[in-house]
Amino acid sequence: WVPSMRSALRGLLRGPDFDVVLAFVAFAALLVDP
């Protein structure tokens, strides 16, 4: 189970969905920070 979880996490970090999350986080941070 542990290696399968690691593989799933690596796949998530490399997938396009993670970049969408990062873009949303950056958008929120740009508004909240100032």
Full PDB file with SEQRES, HELIX, SHEET, SSBOND, CRYST1, ORIGX, SCALE, CONECT and MASTER records, all heavy atoms in Angstrom:
SEQRES   1 A   34  TRP VAL PRO SER MET ARG SER ALA LEU ARG GLY LEU LEU          
SEQRES   2 A   34  ARG GLY PRO ASP PHE ASP VAL VAL LEU ALA PHE VAL ALA          
SEQRES   3 A   34  PHE ALA ALA LEU LEU VAL ASP PRO                              
HELIX    1 AA1 VAL A    2  ARG A   14  1                                  13    
HELIX    2 AA2 PRO A   16  VAL A   32  1                                  17    
CRYST1    1.000    1.000    1.000  90.00  90.00  90.00 P 1           1          
ORIGX1      1.000000  0.000000  0.000000        0.00000                         
ORIGX2      0.000000  1.000000  0.000000        0.00000                         
ORIGX3      0.000000  0.000000  1.000000        0.00000                         
SCALE1      1.000000  0.000000  0.000000        0.00000                         
SCALE2      0.000000  1.000000  0.000000        0.00000                         
SCALE3      0.000000  0.000000  1.000000        0.00000                         
ATOM      1  N   TRP A   1       0.806  -1.202   0.000  1.00  0.00           N  
ATOM      2  CA  TRP A   1       0.000   0.000   0.000  1.00  0.00           C  
ATOM      3  C   TRP A   1       0.846   1.260   0.000  1.00  0.00           C  
ATOM      4  O   TRP A   1       0.522   2.242  -0.663  1.00  0.00           O  
ATOM      5  CB  TRP A   1      -0.898  -0.021   1.227  1.00  0.00           C  
ATOM      6  CG  TRP A   1      -1.807   1.147   1.320  1.00  0.00           C  
ATOM      7  CD1 TRP A   1      -2.955   1.379   0.623  1.00  0.00           C  
ATOM      8  CD2 TRP A   1      -1.646   2.295   2.182  1.00  0.00           C  
ATOM      9  NE1 TRP A   1      -3.513   2.567   0.986  1.00  0.00           N  
ATOM     10  CE2 TRP A   1      -2.732   3.155   1.940  1.00  0.00           C  
ATOM     11  CE3 TRP A   1      -0.695   2.657   3.127  1.00  0.00           C  
ATOM     12  CZ2 TRP A   1      -2.891   4.359   2.608  1.00  0.00           C  
ATOM     13  CZ3 TRP A   1      -0.845   3.863   3.787  1.00  0.00           C  
ATOM     14  CH2 TRP A   1      -1.936   4.700   3.533  1.00  0.00           C  
ATOM     15  N   VAL A   2       1.971   1.263   0.733  1.00  0.00           N  
ATOM     16  CA  VAL A   2       2.816   2.462   0.830  1.00  0.00           C  
ATOM     17  C   VAL A   2       3.403   2.862  -0.524  1.00  0.00           C  
ATOM     18  O   VAL A   2       3.315   4.024  -0.931  1.00  0.00           O  
ATOM     19  CB  VAL A   2       3.928   2.259   1.881  1.00  0.00           C  
ATOM     20  CG1 VAL A   2       4.911   3.421   1.853  1.00  0.00           C  
ATOM     21  CG2 VAL A   2       3.314   2.127   3.268  1.00  0.00           C  
ATOM     22  N   PRO A   3       4.042   1.924  -1.295  1.00  0.00           N  
ATOM     23  CA  PRO A   3       4.541   2.333  -2.615  1.00  0.00           C  
ATOM     24  C   PRO A   3       3.437   2.803  -3.553  1.00  0.00           C  
ATOM     25  O   PRO A   3       3.652   3.713  -4.358  1.00  0.00           O  
ATOM     26  CB  PRO A   3       5.204   1.047  -3.143  1.00  0.00           C  
ATOM     27  CG  PRO A   3       5.521   0.254  -1.934  1.00  0.00           C  
ATOM     28  CD  PRO A   3       4.423   0.553  -0.968  1.00  0.00           C  
ATOM     29  N   SER A   4       2.248   2.179  -3.452  1.00  0.00           N  
ATOM     30  CA  SER A   4       1.156   2.603  -4.325  1.00  0.00           C  
ATOM     31  C   SER A   4       0.714   4.023  -3.990  1.00  0.00           C  
ATOM     32  O   SER A   4       0.381   4.812  -4.871  1.00  0.00           O  
ATOM     33  CB  SER A   4      -0.017   1.632  -4.198  1.00  0.00           C  
ATOM     34  OG  SER A   4      -0.531   1.648  -2.880  1.00  0.00           O  
ATOM     35  N   MET A   5       0.715   4.366  -2.693  1.00  0.00           N  
ATOM     36  CA  MET A   5       0.385   5.734  -2.301  1.00  0.00           C  
ATOM     37  C   MET A   5       1.433   6.718  -2.797  1.00  0.00           C  
ATOM     38  O   MET A   5       1.111   7.815  -3.248  1.00  0.00           O  
ATOM     39  CB  MET A   5       0.273   5.812  -0.770  1.00  0.00           C  
ATOM     40  CG  MET A   5      -1.033   5.287  -0.224  1.00  0.00           C  
ATOM     41  SD  MET A   5      -2.417   6.319  -0.739  1.00  0.00           S  
ATOM     42  CE  MET A   5      -2.028   7.840   0.112  1.00  0.00           C  
ATOM     43  N   ARG A   6       2.704   6.328  -2.719  1.00  0.00           N  
ATOM     44  CA  ARG A   6       3.778   7.207  -3.213  1.00  0.00           C  
ATOM     45  C   ARG A   6       3.638   7.420  -4.711  1.00  0.00           C  
ATOM     46  O   ARG A   6       3.807   8.538  -5.205  1.00  0.00           O  
ATOM     47  CB  ARG A   6       5.128   6.588  -2.892  1.00  0.00           C  
ATOM     48  CG  ARG A   6       5.487   6.615  -1.404  1.00  0.00           C  
ATOM     49  CD  ARG A   6       6.806   5.919  -1.147  1.00  0.00           C  
ATOM     50  NE  ARG A   6       7.168   5.951   0.267  1.00  0.00           N  
ATOM     51  CZ  ARG A   6       8.200   5.314   0.777  1.00  0.00           C  
ATOM     52  NH1 ARG A   6       9.000   4.606  -0.014  1.00  0.00           N  
ATOM     53  NH2 ARG A   6       8.454   5.380   2.068  1.00  0.00           N  
ATOM     54  N   SER A   7       3.328   6.358  -5.447  1.00  0.00           N  
ATOM     55  CA  SER A   7       3.156   6.483  -6.892  1.00  0.00           C  
ATOM     56  C   SER A   7       1.973   7.379  -7.217  1.00  0.00           C  
ATOM     57  O   SER A   7       2.038   8.208  -8.134  1.00  0.00           O  
ATOM     58  CB  SER A   7       2.957   5.105  -7.520  1.00  0.00           C  
ATOM     59  OG  SER A   7       4.080   4.279  -7.270  1.00  0.00           O  
ATOM     60  N   ALA A   8       0.887   7.232  -6.458  1.00  0.00           N  
ATOM     61  CA  ALA A   8      -0.286   8.075  -6.694  1.00  0.00           C  
ATOM     62  C   ALA A   8       0.018   9.533  -6.406  1.00  0.00           C  
ATOM     63  O   ALA A   8      -0.408  10.435  -7.146  1.00  0.00           O  
ATOM     64  CB  ALA A   8      -1.451   7.591  -5.831  1.00  0.00           C  
ATOM     65  N   LEU A   9       0.782   9.791  -5.332  1.00  0.00           N  
ATOM     66  CA  LEU A   9       1.141  11.169  -4.992  1.00  0.00           C  
ATOM     67  C   LEU A   9       2.036  11.786  -6.055  1.00  0.00           C  
ATOM     68  O   LEU A   9       1.851  12.943  -6.455  1.00  0.00           O  
ATOM     69  CB  LEU A   9       1.835  11.193  -3.630  1.00  0.00           C  
ATOM     70  CG  LEU A   9       2.260  12.582  -3.111  1.00  0.00           C  
ATOM     71  CD1 LEU A   9       1.036  13.475  -2.973  1.00  0.00           C  
ATOM     72  CD2 LEU A   9       2.975  12.460  -1.768  1.00  0.00           C  
ATOM     73  N   ARG A  10       3.001  11.003  -6.548  1.00  0.00           N  
ATOM     74  CA  ARG A  10       3.874  11.524  -7.610  1.00  0.00           C  
ATOM     75  C   ARG A  10       3.076  11.812  -8.870  1.00  0.00           C  
ATOM     76  O   ARG A  10       3.297  12.812  -9.557  1.00  0.00           O  
ATOM     77  CB  ARG A  10       4.965  10.512  -7.905  1.00  0.00           C  
ATOM     78  CG  ARG A  10       6.016  10.396  -6.794  1.00  0.00           C  
ATOM     79  CD  ARG A  10       6.981   9.275  -7.077  1.00  0.00           C  
ATOM     80  NE  ARG A  10       7.953   9.109  -5.997  1.00  0.00           N  
ATOM     81  CZ  ARG A  10       8.805   8.114  -5.916  1.00  0.00           C  
ATOM     82  NH1 ARG A  10       8.824   7.172  -6.859  1.00  0.00           N  
ATOM     83  NH2 ARG A  10       9.661   8.036  -4.906  1.00  0.00           N  
ATOM     84  N   GLY A  11       2.140  10.934  -9.189  1.00  0.00           N  
ATOM     85  CA  GLY A  11       1.300  11.171 -10.361  1.00  0.00           C  
ATOM     86  C   GLY A  11       0.460  12.422 -10.219  1.00  0.00           C  
ATOM     87  O   GLY A  11       0.264  13.170 -11.175  1.00  0.00           O  
ATOM     88  N   LEU A  12      -0.045  12.665  -8.986  1.00  0.00           N  
ATOM     89  CA  LEU A  12      -0.840  13.864  -8.746  1.00  0.00           C  
ATOM     90  C   LEU A  12       0.007  15.118  -8.901  1.00  0.00           C  
ATOM     91  O   LEU A  12      -0.423  16.110  -9.500  1.00  0.00           O  
ATOM     92  CB  LEU A  12      -1.443  13.806  -7.340  1.00  0.00           C  
ATOM     93  CG  LEU A  12      -2.241  15.040  -6.889  1.00  0.00           C  
ATOM     94  CD1 LEU A  12      -3.459  15.218  -7.774  1.00  0.00           C  
ATOM     95  CD2 LEU A  12      -2.665  14.899  -5.438  1.00  0.00           C  
ATOM     96  N   LEU A  13       1.233  15.090  -8.352  1.00  0.00           N  
ATOM     97  CA  LEU A  13       2.095  16.263  -8.430  1.00  0.00           C  
ATOM     98  C   LEU A  13       2.549  16.548  -9.851  1.00  0.00           C  
ATOM     99  O   LEU A  13       2.890  17.670 -10.186  1.00  0.00           O  
ATOM    100  CB  LEU A  13       3.315  16.069  -7.519  1.00  0.00           C  
ATOM    101  CG  LEU A  13       3.019  16.015  -6.015  1.00  0.00           C  
ATOM    102  CD1 LEU A  13       4.299  15.768  -5.238  1.00  0.00           C  
ATOM    103  CD2 LEU A  13       2.362  17.292  -5.539  1.00  0.00           C  
ATOM    104  N   ARG A  14       2.584  15.517 -10.688  1.00  0.00           N  
ATOM    105  CA  ARG A  14       3.018  15.704 -12.069  1.00  0.00           C  
ATOM    106  C   ARG A  14       1.866  15.966 -13.022  1.00  0.00           C  
ATOM    107  O   ARG A  14       2.076  16.314 -14.166  1.00  0.00           O  
ATOM    108  CB  ARG A  14       3.780  14.458 -12.535  1.00  0.00           C  
ATOM    109  CG  ARG A  14       5.106  14.246 -11.810  1.00  0.00           C  
ATOM    110  CD  ARG A  14       5.734  12.936 -12.195  1.00  0.00           C  
ATOM    111  NE  ARG A  14       6.984  12.696 -11.479  1.00  0.00           N  
ATOM    112  CZ  ARG A  14       7.660  11.562 -11.512  1.00  0.00           C  
ATOM    113  NH1 ARG A  14       7.202  10.542 -12.225  1.00  0.00           N  
ATOM    114  NH2 ARG A  14       8.782  11.424 -10.830  1.00  0.00           N  
ATOM    115  N   GLY A  15       0.661  15.775 -12.565  1.00  0.00           N  
ATOM    116  CA  GLY A  15      -0.482  15.889 -13.450  1.00  0.00           C  
ATOM    117  C   GLY A  15      -0.896  17.326 -13.668  1.00  0.00           C  
ATOM    118  O   GLY A  15      -0.545  18.235 -12.903  1.00  0.00           O  
ATOM    119  N   PRO A  16      -1.692  17.568 -14.717  1.00  0.00           N  
ATOM    120  CA  PRO A  16      -2.156  18.931 -15.010  1.00  0.00           C  
ATOM    121  C   PRO A  16      -3.098  19.475 -13.950  1.00  0.00           C  
ATOM    122  O   PRO A  16      -3.190  20.685 -13.766  1.00  0.00           O  
ATOM    123  CB  PRO A  16      -2.856  18.775 -16.366  1.00  0.00           C  
ATOM    124  CG  PRO A  16      -3.217  17.318 -16.446  1.00  0.00           C  
ATOM    125  CD  PRO A  16      -2.149  16.584 -15.704  1.00  0.00           C  
ATOM    126  N   ASP A  17      -3.826  18.605 -13.224  1.00  0.00           N  
ATOM    127  CA  ASP A  17      -4.741  19.084 -12.193  1.00  0.00           C  
ATOM    128  C   ASP A  17      -3.989  19.821 -11.090  1.00  0.00           C  
ATOM    129  O   ASP A  17      -4.510  20.794 -10.520  1.00  0.00           O  
ATOM    130  CB  ASP A  17      -5.518  17.913 -11.592  1.00  0.00           C  
ATOM    131  CG  ASP A  17      -6.480  17.289 -12.600  1.00  0.00           C  
ATOM    132  OD1 ASP A  17      -6.787  17.970 -13.593  1.00  0.00           O  
ATOM    133  OD2 ASP A  17      -6.899  16.139 -12.400  1.00  0.00           O  
ATOM    134  N   PHE A  18      -2.787  19.370 -10.779  1.00  0.00           N  
ATOM    135  CA  PHE A  18      -1.995  20.035  -9.751  1.00  0.00           C  
ATOM    136  C   PHE A  18      -1.621  21.453 -10.178  1.00  0.00           C  
ATOM    137  O   PHE A  18      -1.579  22.371  -9.350  1.00  0.00           O  
ATOM    138  CB  PHE A  18      -0.744  19.224  -9.442  1.00  0.00           C  
ATOM    139  CG  PHE A  18       0.091  19.786  -8.340  1.00  0.00           C  
ATOM    140  CD1 PHE A  18      -0.350  19.778  -7.032  1.00  0.00           C  
ATOM    141  CD2 PHE A  18       1.332  20.345  -8.604  1.00  0.00           C  
ATOM    142  CE1 PHE A  18       0.414  20.307  -5.999  1.00  0.00           C  
ATOM    143  CE2 PHE A  18       2.104  20.871  -7.591  1.00  0.00           C  
ATOM    144  CZ  PHE A  18       1.643  20.859  -6.288  1.00  0.00           C  
ATOM    145  N   ASP A  19      -1.350  21.647 -11.463  1.00  0.00           N  
ATOM    146  CA  ASP A  19      -1.033  22.987 -11.961  1.00  0.00           C  
ATOM    147  C   ASP A  19      -2.247  23.900 -11.875  1.00  0.00           C  
ATOM    148  O   ASP A  19      -2.103  25.108 -11.637  1.00  0.00           O  
ATOM    149  CB  ASP A  19      -0.536  22.897 -13.409  1.00  0.00           C  
ATOM    150  CG  ASP A  19       0.830  22.250 -13.499  1.00  0.00           C  
ATOM    151  OD1 ASP A  19       1.564  22.281 -12.495  1.00  0.00           O  
ATOM    152  OD2 ASP A  19       1.161  21.701 -14.568  1.00  0.00           O  
ATOM    153  N   VAL A  20      -3.433  23.343 -12.073  1.00  0.00           N  
ATOM    154  CA  VAL A  20      -4.658  24.137 -11.917  1.00  0.00           C  
ATOM    155  C   VAL A  20      -4.797  24.585 -10.458  1.00  0.00           C  
ATOM    156  O   VAL A  20      -5.141  25.745 -10.184  1.00  0.00           O  
ATOM    157  CB  VAL A  20      -5.884  23.321 -12.356  1.00  0.00           C  
ATOM    158  CG1 VAL A  20      -7.168  24.093 -12.064  1.00  0.00           C  
ATOM    159  CG2 VAL A  20      -5.804  22.989 -13.840  1.00  0.00           C  
ATOM    160  N   VAL A  21      -4.514  23.678  -9.531  1.00  0.00           N  
ATOM    161  CA  VAL A  21      -4.568  24.026  -8.107  1.00  0.00           C  
ATOM    162  C   VAL A  21      -3.544  25.103  -7.791  1.00  0.00           C  
ATOM    163  O   VAL A  21      -3.836  26.074  -7.058  1.00  0.00           O  
ATOM    164  CB  VAL A  21      -4.333  22.770  -7.241  1.00  0.00           C  
ATOM    165  CG1 VAL A  21      -4.224  23.147  -5.775  1.00  0.00           C  
ATOM    166  CG2 VAL A  21      -5.453  21.763  -7.445  1.00  0.00           C  
ATOM    167  N   LEU A  22      -2.333  24.962  -8.333  1.00  0.00           N  
ATOM    168  CA  LEU A  22      -1.301  25.974  -8.091  1.00  0.00           C  
ATOM    169  C   LEU A  22      -1.722  27.338  -8.634  1.00  0.00           C  
ATOM    170  O   LEU A  22      -1.490  28.370  -7.994  1.00  0.00           O  
ATOM    171  CB  LEU A  22       0.007  25.535  -8.747  1.00  0.00           C  
ATOM    172  CG  LEU A  22       0.894  24.573  -7.964  1.00  0.00           C  
ATOM    173  CD1 LEU A  22       2.140  24.240  -8.768  1.00  0.00           C  
ATOM    174  CD2 LEU A  22       1.282  25.147  -6.614  1.00  0.00           C  
ATOM    175  N   ALA A  23      -2.323  27.347  -9.808  1.00  0.00           N  
ATOM    176  CA  ALA A  23      -2.780  28.608 -10.387  1.00  0.00           C  
ATOM    177  C   ALA A  23      -3.845  29.248  -9.499  1.00  0.00           C  
ATOM    178  O   ALA A  23      -3.843  30.467  -9.282  1.00  0.00           O  
ATOM    179  CB  ALA A  23      -3.331  28.370 -11.793  1.00  0.00           C  
ATOM    180  N   PHE A  24      -4.742  28.433  -8.959  1.00  0.00           N  
ATOM    181  CA  PHE A  24      -5.777  28.972  -8.072  1.00  0.00           C  
ATOM    182  C   PHE A  24      -5.168  29.505  -6.779  1.00  0.00           C  
ATOM    183  O   PHE A  24      -5.568  30.573  -6.285  1.00  0.00           O  
ATOM    184  CB  PHE A  24      -6.807  27.890  -7.749  1.00  0.00           C  
ATOM    185  CG  PHE A  24      -7.902  28.353  -6.841  1.00  0.00           C  
ATOM    186  CD1 PHE A  24      -8.947  29.131  -7.322  1.00  0.00           C  
ATOM    187  CD2 PHE A  24      -7.871  28.040  -5.482  1.00  0.00           C  
ATOM    188  CE1 PHE A  24      -9.958  29.580  -6.472  1.00  0.00           C  
ATOM    189  CE2 PHE A  24      -8.868  28.485  -4.634  1.00  0.00           C  
ATOM    190  CZ  PHE A  24      -9.914  29.259  -5.126  1.00  0.00           C  
ATOM    191  N   VAL A  25      -4.200  28.774  -6.233  1.00  0.00           N  
ATOM    192  CA  VAL A  25      -3.518  29.230  -5.016  1.00  0.00           C  
ATOM    193  C   VAL A  25      -2.792  30.554  -5.274  1.00  0.00           C  
ATOM    194  O   VAL A  25      -2.817  31.481  -4.442  1.00  0.00           O  
ATOM    195  CB  VAL A  25      -2.540  28.158  -4.509  1.00  0.00           C  
ATOM    196  CG1 VAL A  25      -1.671  28.704  -3.384  1.00  0.00           C  
ATOM    197  CG2 VAL A  25      -3.306  26.925  -4.034  1.00  0.00           C  
ATOM    198  N   ALA A  26      -2.131  30.652  -6.429  1.00  0.00           N  
ATOM    199  CA  ALA A  26      -1.433  31.895  -6.772  1.00  0.00           C  
ATOM    200  C   ALA A  26      -2.422  33.050  -6.912  1.00  0.00           C  
ATOM    201  O   ALA A  26      -2.150  34.171  -6.440  1.00  0.00           O  
ATOM    202  CB  ALA A  26      -0.653  31.708  -8.073  1.00  0.00           C  
ATOM    203  N   PHE A  27      -3.551  32.784  -7.540  1.00  0.00           N  
ATOM    204  CA  PHE A  27      -4.593  33.813  -7.680  1.00  0.00           C  
ATOM    205  C   PHE A  27      -5.065  34.305  -6.317  1.00  0.00           C  
ATOM    206  O   PHE A  27      -5.149  35.513  -6.060  1.00  0.00           O  
ATOM    207  CB  PHE A  27      -5.748  33.228  -8.485  1.00  0.00           C  
ATOM    208  CG  PHE A  27      -7.058  33.932  -8.293  1.00  0.00           C  
ATOM    209  CD1 PHE A  27      -7.233  35.231  -8.748  1.00  0.00           C  
ATOM    210  CD2 PHE A  27      -8.115  33.300  -7.660  1.00  0.00           C  
ATOM    211  CE1 PHE A  27      -8.449  35.891  -8.566  1.00  0.00           C  
ATOM    212  CE2 PHE A  27      -9.320  33.946  -7.477  1.00  0.00           C  
ATOM    213  CZ  PHE A  27      -9.493  35.242  -7.931  1.00  0.00           C  
ATOM    214  N   ALA A  28      -5.353  33.356  -5.406  1.00  0.00           N  
ATOM    215  CA  ALA A  28      -5.811  33.728  -4.071  1.00  0.00           C  
ATOM    216  C   ALA A  28      -4.730  34.486  -3.305  1.00  0.00           C  
ATOM    217  O   ALA A  28      -5.014  35.484  -2.615  1.00  0.00           O  
ATOM    218  CB  ALA A  28      -6.240  32.481  -3.302  1.00  0.00           C  
ATOM    219  N   ALA A  29      -3.477  34.025  -3.434  1.00  0.00           N  
ATOM    220  CA  ALA A  29      -2.385  34.675  -2.709  1.00  0.00           C  
ATOM    221  C   ALA A  29      -2.169  36.105  -3.197  1.00  0.00           C  
ATOM    222  O   ALA A  29      -1.882  37.012  -2.393  1.00  0.00           O  
ATOM    223  CB  ALA A  29      -1.102  33.864  -2.873  1.00  0.00           C  
ATOM    224  N   LEU A  30      -2.284  36.314  -4.500  1.00  0.00           N  
ATOM    225  CA  LEU A  30      -2.101  37.664  -5.039  1.00  0.00           C  
ATOM    226  C   LEU A  30      -3.144  38.632  -4.490  1.00  0.00           C  
ATOM    227  O   LEU A  30      -2.860  39.832  -4.319  1.00  0.00           O  
ATOM    228  CB  LEU A  30      -2.174  37.624  -6.570  1.00  0.00           C  
ATOM    229  CG  LEU A  30      -0.979  36.994  -7.294  1.00  0.00           C  
ATOM    230  CD1 LEU A  30      -1.272  36.828  -8.778  1.00  0.00           C  
ATOM    231  CD2 LEU A  30       0.280  37.825  -7.085  1.00  0.00           C  
ATOM    232  N   LEU A  31      -4.332  38.127  -4.217  1.00  0.00           N  
ATOM    233  CA  LEU A  31      -5.383  39.005  -3.687  1.00  0.00           C  
ATOM    234  C   LEU A  31      -5.283  39.167  -2.171  1.00  0.00           C  
ATOM    235  O   LEU A  31      -5.539  40.254  -1.646  1.00  0.00           O  
ATOM    236  CB  LEU A  31      -6.759  38.439  -4.057  1.00  0.00           C  
ATOM    237  CG  LEU A  31      -7.127  38.468  -5.542  1.00  0.00           C  
ATOM    238  CD1 LEU A  31      -8.502  37.878  -5.751  1.00  0.00           C  
ATOM    239  CD2 LEU A  31      -7.058  39.882  -6.102  1.00  0.00           C  
ATOM    240  N   VAL A  32      -4.914  38.092  -1.480  1.00  0.00           N  
ATOM    241  CA  VAL A  32      -4.896  38.133  -0.017  1.00  0.00           C  
ATOM    242  C   VAL A  32      -3.664  38.866   0.509  1.00  0.00           C  
ATOM    243  O   VAL A  32      -3.731  39.610   1.500  1.00  0.00           O  
ATOM    244  CB  VAL A  32      -4.951  36.699   0.552  1.00  0.00           C  
ATOM    245  CG1 VAL A  32      -4.725  36.694   2.058  1.00  0.00           C  
ATOM    246  CG2 VAL A  32      -6.294  36.054   0.215  1.00  0.00           C  
ATOM    247  N   ASP A  33      -2.526  38.687  -0.152  1.00  0.00           N  
ATOM    248  CA  ASP A  33      -1.260  39.213   0.366  1.00  0.00           C  
ATOM    249  C   ASP A  33      -1.278  40.725   0.596  1.00  0.00           C  
ATOM    250  O   ASP A  33      -0.885  41.186   1.680  1.00  0.00           O  
ATOM    251  CB  ASP A  33      -0.133  38.814  -0.576  1.00  0.00           C  
ATOM    252  CG  ASP A  33       1.219  39.337  -0.116  1.00  0.00           C  
ATOM    253  OD1 ASP A  33       1.483  39.292   1.103  1.00  0.00           O  
ATOM    254  OD2 ASP A  33       2.014  39.788  -0.953  1.00  0.00           O  
ATOM    255  N   PRO A  34      -1.678  41.533  -0.381  1.00  0.00           N  
ATOM    256  CA  PRO A  34      -1.623  42.990  -0.130  1.00  0.00           C  
ATOM    257  C   PRO A  34      -2.553  43.448   0.986  1.00  0.00           C  
ATOM    258  O   PRO A  34      -2.241  44.411   1.698  1.00  0.00           O  
ATOM    259  CB  PRO A  34      -2.021  43.594  -1.486  1.00  0.00           C  
ATOM    260  CG  PRO A  34      -2.765  42.524  -2.184  1.00  0.00           C  
ATOM    261  CD  PRO A  34      -2.157  41.240  -1.738  1.00  0.00           C  
TER     262      PRO A  34                                                      
MASTER        0    0    0    2    0    0    0    6  261    1    0    3          
END                                                                             
